[in-house]
Each structure stands twice: as structure tokens, then as C-alpha cells.
Amino acid sequence: MIIKFKYFRFFVGGVIFIIASCSDDTINNKNFGKHQHANHHMNKSSFEDLVTRFESAERDEWQKPDSVIAFLGDLKNKTVIDIGAGTGYFEFRINEPSAKLIAADADERFIEYLNTRIAKEKKGNIITRKAEYEKPPVLDQEADVVFMVDVYHHIENRKEYFSLIKKGLKPNGELVIVDFKKGNFKHGPPDEMKLNAETIISEMKEVGFNLLIQDTTTLNYQYMLKFN
């Protein structure tokens, strides 16, 4: 199911007011303890095994990268930041040379891997950026699109983190989140680490994001959400 949403903003004296119901109880730290082990779970595999898994033909079948890239929209002349880029799985599949693609990751091993691959494949529109766990790798009003795939459930202090992402988007910029549906599937983290789409939508509303599109059917194991 793909759902598009319309919304209204009120302009008063040049200031945009977005009305949202804010409750710290929804997205404060005490609710996130079970997710702090997501990084540990992923890193049970060796770096070489992670690279093999991220770039496997099997992943192509269920991840459907072309569908995810299409969901990002028109990227012509846009600055796109992929948080948790890993091996650059999406960057090297985006066929838009005018786009500035920033592949950000907190793991120095992936940064080194990406820099080597960028040089080898001569991808001049892809650059890397070291990410921090507590602060998004986005400058103020820098990005047209920020996206993260299978990363949301890794993030603690999400209210503060995504408030900073909000500041990092240009006017009319968009945030795209792709993450795993609840359920005991072959792919993805343990079910207790997953968050359903409704939880993410609620958390993003509290930060000030508006849901534009919700797609729960294109991908078998994941949902795709677009906000601005």
C-alpha cells in the first residue's frame, strides 16, 4: 500500500508554524534501551562478512535497490546524504551524475572501503563523511535529501538526533527512512530490535516532520517512509 499525505502550514509574518503534539514520554531515552544493542548485533559478523552480505546478489533480490532509489525521487542537481552508507550499496547504483552523493558512516572501515572503491570506479560525485553516533553528519541546510536504510533502529536519543537532521535539510528538503517491518523474517535484526512504521511516524511528527508517502508493500521485509 502506498499512501500520499497532504498537509497545511500556516504562514504568519514569514514564520512557519507546524502544529504537532509533543510528548517526551513517546521518544525519550527510557524507551530505547532494547535498541542500544543493534550495533553490537550487527558487528557479531566480521567486516569481510558484512561487505559480502551488503553487496550480495541475494540482497539485490529482497532489497530491490532500484525501487528504493526511485522512492527518493528526482535527484538531479541535489545533495543527497546517506546515513549509514556502509559499502555505498545505493550510491554506486544511483545513475544521476549531477547529484552530490555523501556516503556517511560511523565505521572507519567502511569509510576506507568507500574511498578505495570511489577511486577505483572514478565516481567523482560521491564523497565520504565520518558520522558520529550521537550527531547526524549533516550541516545546517545542506541536504536536499537525507536517507537511511536499516539504520533507524540503531539510533538512540532520536528526538535530538532528528531535530538536527531537520535543521540540516534545505527548504523543501526530504527525509527518507527505510527499515524492517516487525516479524520474524529471514532478513533483518531480531524482532525485538525492530520498530513498526507507526512508531517512526509518531516520533517524526513530534520532531516536526510531516509524512508525505508511506509505502508498506513494495518491499517484502521493509517499509519506506518519506517526510519533509
Protein backbone atom coordinates (compact mmCIF):
# COMPACT_ATOMS: atom_id res chain seq x y z
CA MET A 1 0.00 0.00 0.00
CA ILE A 2 1.33 3.45 -0.96
CA ILE A 3 -0.29 6.38 0.81
CA LYS A 4 0.36 10.03 -0.02
CA PHE A 5 -0.38 12.73 2.52
CA LYS A 6 -1.26 16.38 2.13
CA TYR A 7 -0.77 18.87 4.92
CA PHE A 8 -1.23 22.57 5.66
CA ARG A 9 1.22 25.07 7.04
CA PHE A 10 0.27 28.44 8.48
CA PHE A 11 2.45 31.40 7.47
CA VAL A 12 2.49 34.26 9.96
CA GLY A 13 4.92 37.09 9.46
CA GLY A 14 7.21 34.90 7.36
CA VAL A 15 7.46 32.25 10.09
CA ILE A 16 6.23 28.70 9.52
CA PHE A 17 4.30 27.21 12.38
CA ILE A 18 3.92 23.43 12.37
CA ILE A 19 1.41 22.21 14.92
CA ALA A 20 2.32 18.88 16.47
CA SER A 21 1.57 17.08 19.69
CA CYS A 22 4.80 16.83 21.64
CA SER A 23 5.27 14.31 24.41
CA ASP A 24 8.72 13.45 25.70
CA ASP A 25 7.32 10.18 27.02
CA THR A 26 7.00 8.94 23.43
CA ILE A 27 10.57 9.32 22.29
CA ASN A 28 12.79 9.86 25.30
CA ASN A 29 15.72 7.66 26.11
CA LYS A 30 13.98 5.33 28.54
CA ASN A 31 12.05 3.76 25.68
CA PHE A 32 15.09 2.89 23.64
CA GLY A 33 17.15 0.59 25.87
CA LYS A 34 16.42 -2.51 23.84
CA HIS A 35 17.76 -0.84 20.67
CA GLN A 36 21.19 0.10 22.00
CA HIS A 37 22.40 -3.43 21.20
CA ALA A 38 21.66 -3.18 17.46
CA ASN A 39 25.23 -2.16 16.61
CA HIS A 40 26.62 -4.98 18.73
CA HIS A 41 24.33 -7.45 16.99
CA MET A 42 25.46 -6.34 13.53
CA ASN A 43 29.14 -6.44 14.45
CA LYS A 44 29.00 -10.06 15.50
CA SER A 45 29.93 -10.62 11.85
CA SER A 46 33.43 -9.84 10.59
CA PHE A 47 33.91 -6.79 8.40
CA GLU A 48 34.56 -9.03 5.40
CA ASP A 49 31.32 -10.91 6.04
CA LEU A 50 29.42 -7.64 6.32
CA VAL A 51 30.77 -6.44 2.97
CA THR A 52 29.86 -9.73 1.33
CA ARG A 53 26.36 -9.64 2.80
CA PHE A 54 25.72 -5.99 1.95
CA GLU A 55 26.82 -6.44 -1.66
CA SER A 56 25.37 -9.90 -2.31
CA ALA A 57 23.10 -10.84 -5.19
CA GLU A 58 20.71 -12.24 -2.59
CA ARG A 59 20.35 -8.77 -1.09
CA ASP A 60 19.57 -7.35 -4.52
CA GLU A 61 16.58 -9.67 -4.72
CA TRP A 62 14.90 -8.59 -1.50
CA GLN A 63 16.27 -5.05 -1.11
CA LYS A 64 15.13 -4.00 -4.60
CA PRO A 65 17.60 -1.10 -4.80
CA ASP A 66 16.05 0.37 -7.94
CA SER A 67 12.72 0.68 -6.13
CA VAL A 68 14.35 2.39 -3.14
CA ILE A 69 16.22 4.81 -5.41
CA ALA A 70 13.01 5.57 -7.30
CA PHE A 71 11.34 6.32 -3.95
CA LEU A 72 13.97 9.01 -3.29
CA GLY A 73 12.56 10.96 -6.24
CA ASP A 74 14.29 13.20 -8.77
CA LEU A 75 17.89 13.68 -7.63
CA LYS A 76 19.09 15.94 -10.42
CA ASN A 77 21.46 18.61 -9.04
CA LYS A 78 20.58 17.64 -5.48
CA THR A 79 22.74 17.00 -2.42
CA VAL A 80 21.93 13.58 -1.01
CA ILE A 81 23.27 12.26 2.30
CA ASP A 82 23.09 8.55 3.06
CA ILE A 83 23.50 8.00 6.80
CA GLY A 84 24.89 4.54 7.50
CA ALA A 85 26.02 4.10 3.90
CA GLY A 86 28.13 1.03 4.64
CA THR A 87 29.62 -0.18 1.36
CA GLY A 88 27.86 2.52 -0.67
CA TYR A 89 25.29 -0.01 -1.84
CA PHE A 90 22.93 2.72 -3.05
CA GLU A 91 25.44 5.40 -4.03
CA PHE A 92 27.06 3.24 -6.69
CA ARG A 93 23.62 2.39 -8.10
CA ILE A 94 22.29 5.95 -8.34
CA ASN A 95 22.54 6.90 -12.00
CA GLU A 96 22.45 10.69 -11.69
CA PRO A 97 25.88 12.25 -12.28
CA SER A 98 24.66 15.75 -11.37
CA ALA A 99 23.77 14.67 -7.82
CA LYS A 100 26.25 15.21 -4.99
CA LEU A 101 26.20 11.99 -3.01
CA ILE A 102 27.59 11.99 0.53
CA ALA A 103 28.13 8.49 1.91
CA ALA A 104 28.36 8.78 5.70
CA ASP A 105 29.19 6.04 8.16
CA ALA A 106 30.43 5.80 11.74
CA ASP A 107 32.70 2.85 10.98
CA GLU A 108 36.15 3.87 9.75
CA ARG A 109 36.46 0.55 7.93
CA PHE A 110 33.55 1.42 5.69
CA ILE A 111 34.96 4.91 5.06
CA GLU A 112 38.24 3.35 3.93
CA TYR A 113 36.39 0.80 1.79
CA LEU A 114 34.30 3.55 0.19
CA ASN A 115 37.27 5.80 -0.57
CA THR A 116 39.08 2.92 -2.24
CA ARG A 117 36.02 2.00 -4.29
CA ILE A 118 35.31 5.62 -5.27
CA ALA A 119 38.85 6.00 -6.60
CA LYS A 120 38.76 2.64 -8.39
CA GLU A 121 35.43 3.32 -10.09
CA LYS A 122 36.18 7.04 -10.63
CA LYS A 123 32.93 8.23 -9.09
CA GLY A 124 33.59 11.95 -8.82
CA ASN A 125 30.15 12.80 -7.44
CA ILE A 126 30.47 10.53 -4.40
CA ILE A 127 32.31 11.71 -1.28
CA THR A 128 32.57 10.17 2.17
CA ARG A 129 31.93 11.67 5.57
CA LYS A 130 32.65 10.27 9.01
CA ALA A 131 29.48 10.03 11.07
CA GLU A 132 29.08 10.18 14.83
CA TYR A 133 26.66 8.06 16.79
CA GLU A 134 25.12 10.98 18.67
CA LYS A 135 25.12 13.63 15.94
CA PRO A 136 23.95 13.33 12.32
CA PRO A 137 26.59 14.07 9.65
CA VAL A 138 24.61 16.95 8.16
CA LEU A 139 25.44 20.65 8.14
CA ASP A 140 22.73 23.27 8.56
CA GLN A 141 20.51 23.48 5.44
CA GLU A 142 22.94 21.33 3.49
CA ALA A 143 20.86 18.47 2.13
CA ASP A 144 18.02 18.14 -0.34
CA VAL A 145 17.56 14.52 0.69
CA VAL A 146 18.70 12.64 3.77
CA PHE A 147 18.04 8.94 3.75
CA MET A 148 18.85 5.96 5.90
CA VAL A 149 18.25 2.31 5.14
CA ASP A 150 18.13 -0.20 8.01
CA VAL A 151 19.66 2.39 10.34
CA TYR A 152 16.78 3.91 12.31
CA HIS A 153 16.66 1.11 14.86
CA HIS A 154 20.34 1.71 15.66
CA ILE A 155 19.82 5.31 16.77
CA GLU A 156 19.45 6.38 20.40
CA ASN A 157 18.33 9.86 21.51
CA ARG A 158 16.22 10.07 18.39
CA LYS A 159 14.38 13.26 19.31
CA GLU A 160 17.60 15.24 19.47
CA TYR A 161 19.16 13.39 16.52
CA PHE A 162 16.31 14.01 14.10
CA SER A 163 15.83 17.59 15.26
CA LEU A 164 19.37 18.17 13.98
CA ILE A 165 18.54 16.42 10.72
CA LYS A 166 15.55 18.74 10.36
CA LYS A 167 17.94 21.70 10.62
CA GLY A 168 20.23 20.08 8.06
CA LEU A 169 17.60 19.96 5.33
CA LYS A 170 17.21 22.74 2.81
CA PRO A 171 13.76 24.33 2.45
CA ASN A 172 11.51 21.62 0.94
CA GLY A 173 14.18 19.03 1.73
CA GLU A 174 13.08 15.48 2.45
CA LEU A 175 13.93 12.68 4.85
CA VAL A 176 13.53 9.07 3.70
CA ILE A 177 13.57 6.20 6.18
CA VAL A 178 13.62 2.56 5.11
CA ASP A 179 13.60 -0.02 7.88
CA PHE A 180 12.45 -3.51 8.73
CA LYS A 181 8.85 -4.47 9.39
CA LYS A 182 8.06 -6.29 12.60
CA GLY A 183 8.08 -10.05 12.22
CA ASN A 184 10.47 -12.99 12.35
CA PHE A 185 11.82 -12.85 8.81
CA LYS A 186 14.89 -14.35 7.19
CA HIS A 187 16.46 -10.91 6.81
CA GLY A 188 16.93 -8.12 9.34
CA PRO A 189 17.73 -7.84 13.04
CA PRO A 190 15.91 -9.75 15.80
CA ASP A 191 12.26 -8.76 16.03
CA GLU A 192 12.66 -7.08 19.42
CA MET A 193 15.03 -4.54 17.84
CA LYS A 194 12.59 -3.55 15.10
CA LEU A 195 10.14 -0.66 15.13
CA ASN A 196 6.89 -0.58 13.23
CA ALA A 197 6.18 2.21 10.78
CA GLU A 198 3.56 3.79 13.02
CA THR A 199 6.13 4.30 15.78
CA ILE A 200 8.51 6.08 13.42
CA ILE A 201 5.72 8.25 12.00
CA SER A 202 4.71 9.28 15.53
CA GLU A 203 8.29 10.06 16.54
CA MET A 204 8.93 12.12 13.41
CA LYS A 205 5.73 14.10 13.95
CA GLU A 206 6.97 15.12 17.38
CA VAL A 207 10.20 16.41 15.87
CA GLY A 208 8.25 18.46 13.31
CA PHE A 209 8.34 16.27 10.23
CA ASN A 210 5.29 15.77 8.01
CA LEU A 211 4.64 12.38 6.45
CA LEU A 212 4.40 12.61 2.65
CA ILE A 213 4.39 8.99 1.49
CA GLN A 214 4.11 5.66 3.27
CA ASP A 215 4.88 2.52 1.24
CA THR A 216 4.45 -0.79 3.01
CA THR A 217 4.06 -3.09 0.01
CA THR A 218 6.89 -2.56 -2.49
CA LEU A 219 9.48 -4.26 -0.28
CA ASN A 220 8.75 -7.61 1.32
CA TYR A 221 10.62 -7.05 4.58
CA GLN A 222 10.76 -3.26 4.86
CA TYR A 223 8.62 -0.15 4.72
CA MET A 224 9.59 3.14 3.08
CA LEU A 225 8.62 6.48 4.60
CA LYS A 226 9.15 9.96 3.17
CA PHE A 227 8.92 13.12 5.30
CA ASN A 228 9.56 16.81 4.96
